[in-house]
Amino acid sequence: MPTEPPTEISDLPWLVIGLGNPGDKYARNRHNIGYRVADEVAGRMGGRFSTHRARAQVCEGRWTPGGPRMIVAKPVTYMNESGGPVANLLKFFKLPADRLLVVHDELDIPFGQLRMKWGGGEGGHNGLRSISKAIGTKDYGRLRLGIDRPPGRQDPADFVLRDFPGAQSEEVALLVGDAVDALEDLTRADFARVQGTVNTRT
């Protein structure tokens, strides 16, 4: 059974992991929306990514001067090997798994919707499966960005590695913005409260 989401605000920073595949050919894929959220977070915090020995790009920053610190990272391994970098970052920053939040695409949520989840299964997502195995627990936060299921008989593995069509580009930008707003809210409220707010939106 998964643990309950945190209901207290900690002085420890959140380690926010944006999932994706490295390289220009994947940059606009549905599977890379976690990377896009991470990039937007870094931009809003006024920070820059730098290469970390954990095999990730890392940006540390604060949303407001003197405010809580947030560590945002993008593993530079392929999606199904994300666990190693995440485990190494938790160790490097001396953070427990309950300060981890993974941002990822989600087939089981309608396109354009945002949901937060604490623990539970990985829903067939290779990035989450790799992370859970590497850190030895499923009890960590997830920020799930709905991309919908593929039409007809299209293979889901092929669907997630395709770019969003142009007609969806504006809504994708709004979805990314909503995700970043939720992450900013985590610097002011506990996970359970932010989850409740996010998950009651249409």
C-alpha atoms as a PDB file:
ATOM      1  CA  MET A   1       0.000   0.000   0.000  1.00  0.00           C
ATOM      2  CA  PRO A   2       1.343   3.475  -0.849  1.00  0.00           C
ATOM      3  CA  THR A   3       1.899   5.952   1.913  1.00  0.00           C
ATOM      4  CA  GLU A   4      -0.274   9.033   2.184  1.00  0.00           C
ATOM      5  CA  PRO A   5       0.997  12.249   0.546  1.00  0.00           C
ATOM      6  CA  PRO A   6       2.853  14.645   2.849  1.00  0.00           C
ATOM      7  CA  THR A   7       0.600  17.015   4.764  1.00  0.00           C
ATOM      8  CA  GLU A   8       3.393  19.115   6.264  1.00  0.00           C
ATOM      9  CA  ILE A   9       5.734  21.678   4.737  1.00  0.00           C
ATOM     10  CA  SER A  10       9.388  20.669   5.003  1.00  0.00           C
ATOM     11  CA  ASP A  11      12.468  22.851   5.037  1.00  0.00           C
ATOM     12  CA  LEU A  12      14.066  20.406   2.600  1.00  0.00           C
ATOM     13  CA  PRO A  13      13.944  21.329  -1.095  1.00  0.00           C
ATOM     14  CA  TRP A  14      11.915  19.386  -3.608  1.00  0.00           C
ATOM     15  CA  LEU A  15      13.880  17.465  -6.228  1.00  0.00           C
ATOM     16  CA  VAL A  16      11.752  17.872  -9.359  1.00  0.00           C
ATOM     17  CA  ILE A  17      12.610  15.493 -12.201  1.00  0.00           C
ATOM     18  CA  GLY A  18      11.370  16.295 -15.703  1.00  0.00           C
ATOM     19  CA  LEU A  19      11.343  13.114 -17.776  1.00  0.00           C
ATOM     20  CA  GLY A  20      12.224  12.905 -21.443  1.00  0.00           C
ATOM     21  CA  ASN A  21      14.715  11.574 -23.957  1.00  0.00           C
ATOM     22  CA  PRO A  22      17.876  13.539 -24.769  1.00  0.00           C
ATOM     23  CA  GLY A  23      18.571  14.906 -28.242  1.00  0.00           C
ATOM     24  CA  ASP A  24      16.932  17.253 -30.721  1.00  0.00           C
ATOM     25  CA  LYS A  25      14.999  14.471 -32.489  1.00  0.00           C
ATOM     26  CA  TYR A  26      12.923  13.890 -29.343  1.00  0.00           C
ATOM     27  CA  ALA A  27      12.592  17.479 -28.152  1.00  0.00           C
ATOM     28  CA  ARG A  28       8.953  18.038 -29.213  1.00  0.00           C
ATOM     29  CA  ASN A  29       7.720  14.488 -28.571  1.00  0.00           C
ATOM     30  CA  ARG A  30       4.785  13.806 -26.294  1.00  0.00           C
ATOM     31  CA  HIS A  31       7.152  11.725 -24.144  1.00  0.00           C
ATOM     32  CA  ASN A  32       9.316  14.816 -23.540  1.00  0.00           C
ATOM     33  CA  ILE A  33       6.744  17.087 -21.956  1.00  0.00           C
ATOM     34  CA  GLY A  34       8.455  16.570 -18.592  1.00  0.00           C
ATOM     35  CA  TYR A  35      11.608  18.153 -20.029  1.00  0.00           C
ATOM     36  CA  ARG A  36       9.535  21.098 -21.227  1.00  0.00           C
ATOM     37  CA  VAL A  37       8.099  21.663 -17.761  1.00  0.00           C
ATOM     38  CA  ALA A  38      11.591  21.521 -16.244  1.00  0.00           C
ATOM     39  CA  ASP A  39      12.843  24.094 -18.764  1.00  0.00           C
ATOM     40  CA  GLU A  40       9.968  26.423 -17.915  1.00  0.00           C
ATOM     41  CA  VAL A  41      10.579  26.073 -14.180  1.00  0.00           C
ATOM     42  CA  ALA A  42      14.237  26.988 -14.618  1.00  0.00           C
ATOM     43  CA  GLY A  43      13.233  29.984 -16.709  1.00  0.00           C
ATOM     44  CA  ARG A  44      10.744  31.258 -14.139  1.00  0.00           C
ATOM     45  CA  MET A  45      13.304  30.879 -11.358  1.00  0.00           C
ATOM     46  CA  GLY A  46      15.841  32.754 -13.470  1.00  0.00           C
ATOM     47  CA  GLY A  47      18.253  29.834 -13.370  1.00  0.00           C
ATOM     48  CA  ARG A  48      20.310  27.833 -15.834  1.00  0.00           C
ATOM     49  CA  PHE A  49      20.932  24.139 -16.196  1.00  0.00           C
ATOM     50  CA  SER A  50      24.438  22.818 -15.705  1.00  0.00           C
ATOM     51  CA  THR A  51      25.813  19.336 -16.245  1.00  0.00           C
ATOM     52  CA  HIS A  52      25.890  17.211 -13.098  1.00  0.00           C
ATOM     53  CA  ARG A  53      27.985  14.102 -12.575  1.00  0.00           C
ATOM     54  CA  ALA A  54      24.783  12.194 -11.796  1.00  0.00           C
ATOM     55  CA  ARG A  55      24.128  12.133 -15.570  1.00  0.00           C
ATOM     56  CA  ALA A  56      21.619  14.943 -15.483  1.00  0.00           C
ATOM     57  CA  GLN A  57      21.176  18.611 -16.229  1.00  0.00           C
ATOM     58  CA  VAL A  58      20.479  20.386 -12.939  1.00  0.00           C
ATOM     59  CA  CYS A  59      19.197  23.839 -12.005  1.00  0.00           C
ATOM     60  CA  GLU A  60      18.936  25.011  -8.389  1.00  0.00           C
ATOM     61  CA  GLY A  61      16.937  28.114  -7.627  1.00  0.00           C
ATOM     62  CA  ARG A  62      14.263  29.925  -5.650  1.00  0.00           C
ATOM     63  CA  TRP A  63      10.947  31.283  -6.860  1.00  0.00           C
ATOM     64  CA  THR A  64      11.296  34.346  -4.632  1.00  0.00           C
ATOM     65  CA  PRO A  65      14.342  35.910  -2.951  1.00  0.00           C
ATOM     66  CA  GLY A  66      14.882  34.133   0.325  1.00  0.00           C
ATOM     67  CA  GLY A  67      12.136  31.619  -0.488  1.00  0.00           C
ATOM     68  CA  PRO A  68      12.343  27.823  -0.441  1.00  0.00           C
ATOM     69  CA  ARG A  69      14.922  26.229  -2.697  1.00  0.00           C
ATOM     70  CA  MET A  70      13.929  23.879  -5.519  1.00  0.00           C
ATOM     71  CA  ILE A  71      16.213  21.542  -7.461  1.00  0.00           C
ATOM     72  CA  VAL A  72      15.064  20.816 -11.000  1.00  0.00           C
ATOM     73  CA  ALA A  73      16.740  18.134 -13.082  1.00  0.00           C
ATOM     74  CA  LYS A  74      16.545  16.425 -16.475  1.00  0.00           C
ATOM     75  CA  PRO A  75      18.256  13.018 -16.729  1.00  0.00           C
ATOM     76  CA  VAL A  76      20.407  12.885 -19.866  1.00  0.00           C
ATOM     77  CA  THR A  77      19.948   9.127 -20.169  1.00  0.00           C
ATOM     78  CA  TYR A  78      17.134   7.655 -22.217  1.00  0.00           C
ATOM     79  CA  MET A  79      13.747   7.403 -20.542  1.00  0.00           C
ATOM     80  CA  ASN A  80      14.019   3.746 -19.516  1.00  0.00           C
ATOM     81  CA  GLU A  81      17.307   4.463 -17.687  1.00  0.00           C
ATOM     82  CA  SER A  82      16.113   7.472 -15.698  1.00  0.00           C
ATOM     83  CA  GLY A  83      16.382   5.685 -12.360  1.00  0.00           C
ATOM     84  CA  GLY A  84      20.164   5.798 -12.040  1.00  0.00           C
ATOM     85  CA  PRO A  85      20.449   9.593 -12.330  1.00  0.00           C
ATOM     86  CA  VAL A  86      17.483  10.121  -9.979  1.00  0.00           C
ATOM     87  CA  ALA A  87      18.943   7.821  -7.303  1.00  0.00           C
ATOM     88  CA  ASN A  88      22.310   9.556  -7.636  1.00  0.00           C
ATOM     89  CA  LEU A  89      20.734  13.013  -7.280  1.00  0.00           C
ATOM     90  CA  LEU A  90      18.816  12.013  -4.156  1.00  0.00           C
ATOM     91  CA  LYS A  91      22.067  10.736  -2.672  1.00  0.00           C
ATOM     92  CA  PHE A  92      24.082  13.784  -3.730  1.00  0.00           C
ATOM     93  CA  PHE A  93      21.602  16.270  -2.270  1.00  0.00           C
ATOM     94  CA  LYS A  94      20.970  14.045   0.789  1.00  0.00           C
ATOM     95  CA  LEU A  95      17.218  13.975   0.186  1.00  0.00           C
ATOM     96  CA  PRO A  96      14.722  11.245   1.095  1.00  0.00           C
ATOM     97  CA  ALA A  97      12.420   9.804  -1.551  1.00  0.00           C
ATOM     98  CA  ASP A  98       9.489  11.765  -0.112  1.00  0.00           C
ATOM     99  CA  ARG A  99      11.092  14.960  -1.436  1.00  0.00           C
ATOM    100  CA  LEU A 100      11.046  13.616  -4.994  1.00  0.00           C
ATOM    101  CA  LEU A 101       8.474  14.703  -7.577  1.00  0.00           C
ATOM    102  CA  VAL A 102       8.576  13.324 -11.117  1.00  0.00           C
ATOM    103  CA  VAL A 103       6.944  15.220 -13.998  1.00  0.00           C
ATOM    104  CA  HIS A 104       5.860  12.997 -16.878  1.00  0.00           C
ATOM    105  CA  ASP A 105       3.440  12.357 -19.730  1.00  0.00           C
ATOM    106  CA  GLU A 106       0.402  10.208 -18.969  1.00  0.00           C
ATOM    107  CA  LEU A 107      -1.594   8.172 -21.492  1.00  0.00           C
ATOM    108  CA  ASP A 108      -4.441   7.474 -19.081  1.00  0.00           C
ATOM    109  CA  ILE A 109      -5.357  11.142 -18.610  1.00  0.00           C
ATOM    110  CA  PRO A 110      -7.199  13.117 -21.331  1.00  0.00           C
ATOM    111  CA  PHE A 111      -5.069  15.508 -23.329  1.00  0.00           C
ATOM    112  CA  GLY A 112      -4.628  18.872 -21.666  1.00  0.00           C
ATOM    113  CA  GLN A 113      -5.485  17.764 -18.124  1.00  0.00           C
ATOM    114  CA  LEU A 114      -3.121  17.809 -15.160  1.00  0.00           C
ATOM    115  CA  ARG A 115      -3.151  15.470 -12.171  1.00  0.00           C
ATOM    116  CA  MET A 116      -0.974  14.904  -9.108  1.00  0.00           C
ATOM    117  CA  LYS A 117      -0.463  11.523  -7.502  1.00  0.00           C
ATOM    118  CA  TRP A 118       1.469  10.124  -4.571  1.00  0.00           C
ATOM    119  CA  GLY A 119       2.879   6.615  -4.882  1.00  0.00           C
ATOM    120  CA  GLY A 120       1.063   3.731  -6.519  1.00  0.00           C
ATOM    121  CA  GLY A 121       1.821   1.955  -9.763  1.00  0.00           C
ATOM    122  CA  GLU A 122       3.726   3.232 -12.774  1.00  0.00           C
ATOM    123  CA  GLY A 123       1.004   2.560 -15.352  1.00  0.00           C
ATOM    124  CA  GLY A 124       3.491   1.030 -17.776  1.00  0.00           C
ATOM    125  CA  HIS A 125       5.618   4.192 -17.888  1.00  0.00           C
ATOM    126  CA  ASN A 126       9.216   3.093 -18.416  1.00  0.00           C
ATOM    127  CA  GLY A 127      10.698   6.173 -16.779  1.00  0.00           C
ATOM    128  CA  LEU A 128       8.693   5.698 -13.593  1.00  0.00           C
ATOM    129  CA  ARG A 129       9.425   1.977 -13.538  1.00  0.00           C
ATOM    130  CA  SER A 130      13.164   2.666 -13.764  1.00  0.00           C
ATOM    131  CA  ILE A 131      12.993   5.261 -10.970  1.00  0.00           C
ATOM    132  CA  SER A 132      10.977   3.056  -8.602  1.00  0.00           C
ATOM    133  CA  LYS A 133      13.422   0.194  -9.088  1.00  0.00           C
ATOM    134  CA  ALA A 134      16.504   2.372  -8.602  1.00  0.00           C
ATOM    135  CA  ILE A 135      15.341   4.119  -5.436  1.00  0.00           C
ATOM    136  CA  GLY A 136      13.615   1.075  -3.942  1.00  0.00           C
ATOM    137  CA  THR A 137      10.187   2.616  -3.426  1.00  0.00           C
ATOM    138  CA  LYS A 138       7.108   3.811  -5.288  1.00  0.00           C
ATOM    139  CA  ASP A 139       6.281   6.339  -2.585  1.00  0.00           C
ATOM    140  CA  TYR A 140       7.167   9.613  -4.281  1.00  0.00           C
ATOM    141  CA  GLY A 141       5.222  12.364  -5.995  1.00  0.00           C
ATOM    142  CA  ARG A 142       4.170  12.435  -9.631  1.00  0.00           C
ATOM    143  CA  LEU A 143       2.881  15.359 -11.660  1.00  0.00           C
ATOM    144  CA  ARG A 144       1.066  13.788 -14.594  1.00  0.00           C
ATOM    145  CA  LEU A 145       0.381  15.657 -17.832  1.00  0.00           C
ATOM    146  CA  GLY A 146      -2.379  14.101 -19.892  1.00  0.00           C
ATOM    147  CA  ILE A 147      -1.553  13.267 -23.498  1.00  0.00           C
ATOM    148  CA  ASP A 148      -4.532  10.917 -24.098  1.00  0.00           C
ATOM    149  CA  ARG A 149      -4.362   7.440 -25.590  1.00  0.00           C
ATOM    150  CA  PRO A 150      -3.390   6.847 -29.235  1.00  0.00           C
ATOM    151  CA  PRO A 151      -6.166   6.734 -31.805  1.00  0.00           C
ATOM    152  CA  GLY A 152      -7.271   3.483 -33.363  1.00  0.00           C
ATOM    153  CA  ARG A 153      -4.713   0.711 -33.167  1.00  0.00           C
ATOM    154  CA  GLN A 154      -1.634   2.917 -33.041  1.00  0.00           C
ATOM    155  CA  ASP A 155       1.080   1.470 -30.811  1.00  0.00           C
ATOM    156  CA  PRO A 156       1.374   3.557 -27.618  1.00  0.00           C
ATOM    157  CA  ALA A 157       5.166   3.331 -27.850  1.00  0.00           C
ATOM    158  CA  ASP A 158       4.998   4.944 -31.280  1.00  0.00           C
ATOM    159  CA  PHE A 159       2.406   7.500 -30.161  1.00  0.00           C
ATOM    160  CA  VAL A 160       4.489   8.902 -27.280  1.00  0.00           C
ATOM    161  CA  LEU A 161       7.519   9.292 -29.553  1.00  0.00           C
ATOM    162  CA  ARG A 162       5.592  11.487 -31.997  1.00  0.00           C
ATOM    163  CA  ASP A 163       5.424  15.281 -31.782  1.00  0.00           C
ATOM    164  CA  PHE A 164       2.256  17.009 -30.657  1.00  0.00           C
ATOM    165  CA  PRO A 165       0.351  18.120 -33.779  1.00  0.00           C
ATOM    166  CA  GLY A 166       0.349  21.831 -34.513  1.00  0.00           C
ATOM    167  CA  ALA A 167      -3.334  22.130 -33.624  1.00  0.00           C
ATOM    168  CA  GLN A 168      -2.490  21.157 -30.039  1.00  0.00           C
ATOM    169  CA  SER A 169       0.528  23.431 -29.643  1.00  0.00           C
ATOM    170  CA  GLU A 170      -1.322  26.225 -27.823  1.00  0.00           C
ATOM    171  CA  GLU A 171      -3.011  23.832 -25.399  1.00  0.00           C
ATOM    172  CA  VAL A 172       0.318  22.094 -24.701  1.00  0.00           C
ATOM    173  CA  ALA A 173       1.802  25.458 -23.733  1.00  0.00           C
ATOM    174  CA  LEU A 174      -1.116  26.058 -21.346  1.00  0.00           C
ATOM    175  CA  LEU A 175      -0.711  22.586 -19.835  1.00  0.00           C
ATOM    176  CA  VAL A 176       3.001  23.169 -19.260  1.00  0.00           C
ATOM    177  CA  GLY A 177       2.189  26.517 -17.652  1.00  0.00           C
ATOM    178  CA  ASP A 178      -0.365  24.910 -15.325  1.00  0.00           C
ATOM    179  CA  ALA A 179       2.208  22.299 -14.300  1.00  0.00           C
ATOM    180  CA  VAL A 180       4.761  24.989 -13.491  1.00  0.00           C
ATOM    181  CA  ASP A 181       2.158  26.874 -11.430  1.00  0.00           C
ATOM    182  CA  ALA A 182       1.542  23.692  -9.417  1.00  0.00           C
ATOM    183  CA  LEU A 183       5.252  23.312  -8.761  1.00  0.00           C
ATOM    184  CA  GLU A 184       5.480  26.893  -7.581  1.00  0.00           C
ATOM    185  CA  ASP A 185       2.541  26.208  -5.248  1.00  0.00           C
ATOM    186  CA  LEU A 186       4.595  23.426  -3.646  1.00  0.00           C
ATOM    187  CA  THR A 187       6.926  26.063  -2.228  1.00  0.00           C
ATOM    188  CA  ARG A 188       3.991  27.527  -0.267  1.00  0.00           C
ATOM    189  CA  ALA A 189       1.844  24.521   0.658  1.00  0.00           C
ATOM    190  CA  ASP A 190       2.169  20.816   1.389  1.00  0.00           C
ATOM    191  CA  PHE A 191       1.808  18.155  -1.309  1.00  0.00           C
ATOM    192  CA  ALA A 192      -1.642  17.002  -0.190  1.00  0.00           C
ATOM    193  CA  ARG A 193      -3.059  20.515  -0.372  1.00  0.00           C
ATOM    194  CA  VAL A 194      -1.590  21.230  -3.822  1.00  0.00           C
ATOM    195  CA  GLN A 195      -2.743  17.811  -5.028  1.00  0.00           C
ATOM    196  CA  GLY A 196      -6.276  18.552  -3.899  1.00  0.00           C
ATOM    197  CA  THR A 197      -6.294  21.858  -5.746  1.00  0.00           C
ATOM    198  CA  VAL A 198      -4.842  20.450  -8.966  1.00  0.00           C
ATOM    199  CA  ASN A 199      -7.028  17.350  -9.059  1.00  0.00           C
ATOM    200  CA  THR A 200     -10.301  19.220  -8.610  1.00  0.00           C
ATOM    201  CA  ARG A 201      -9.732  21.374 -11.653  1.00  0.00           C
ATOM    202  CA  THR A 202     -11.532  20.329 -14.835  1.00  0.00           C
END
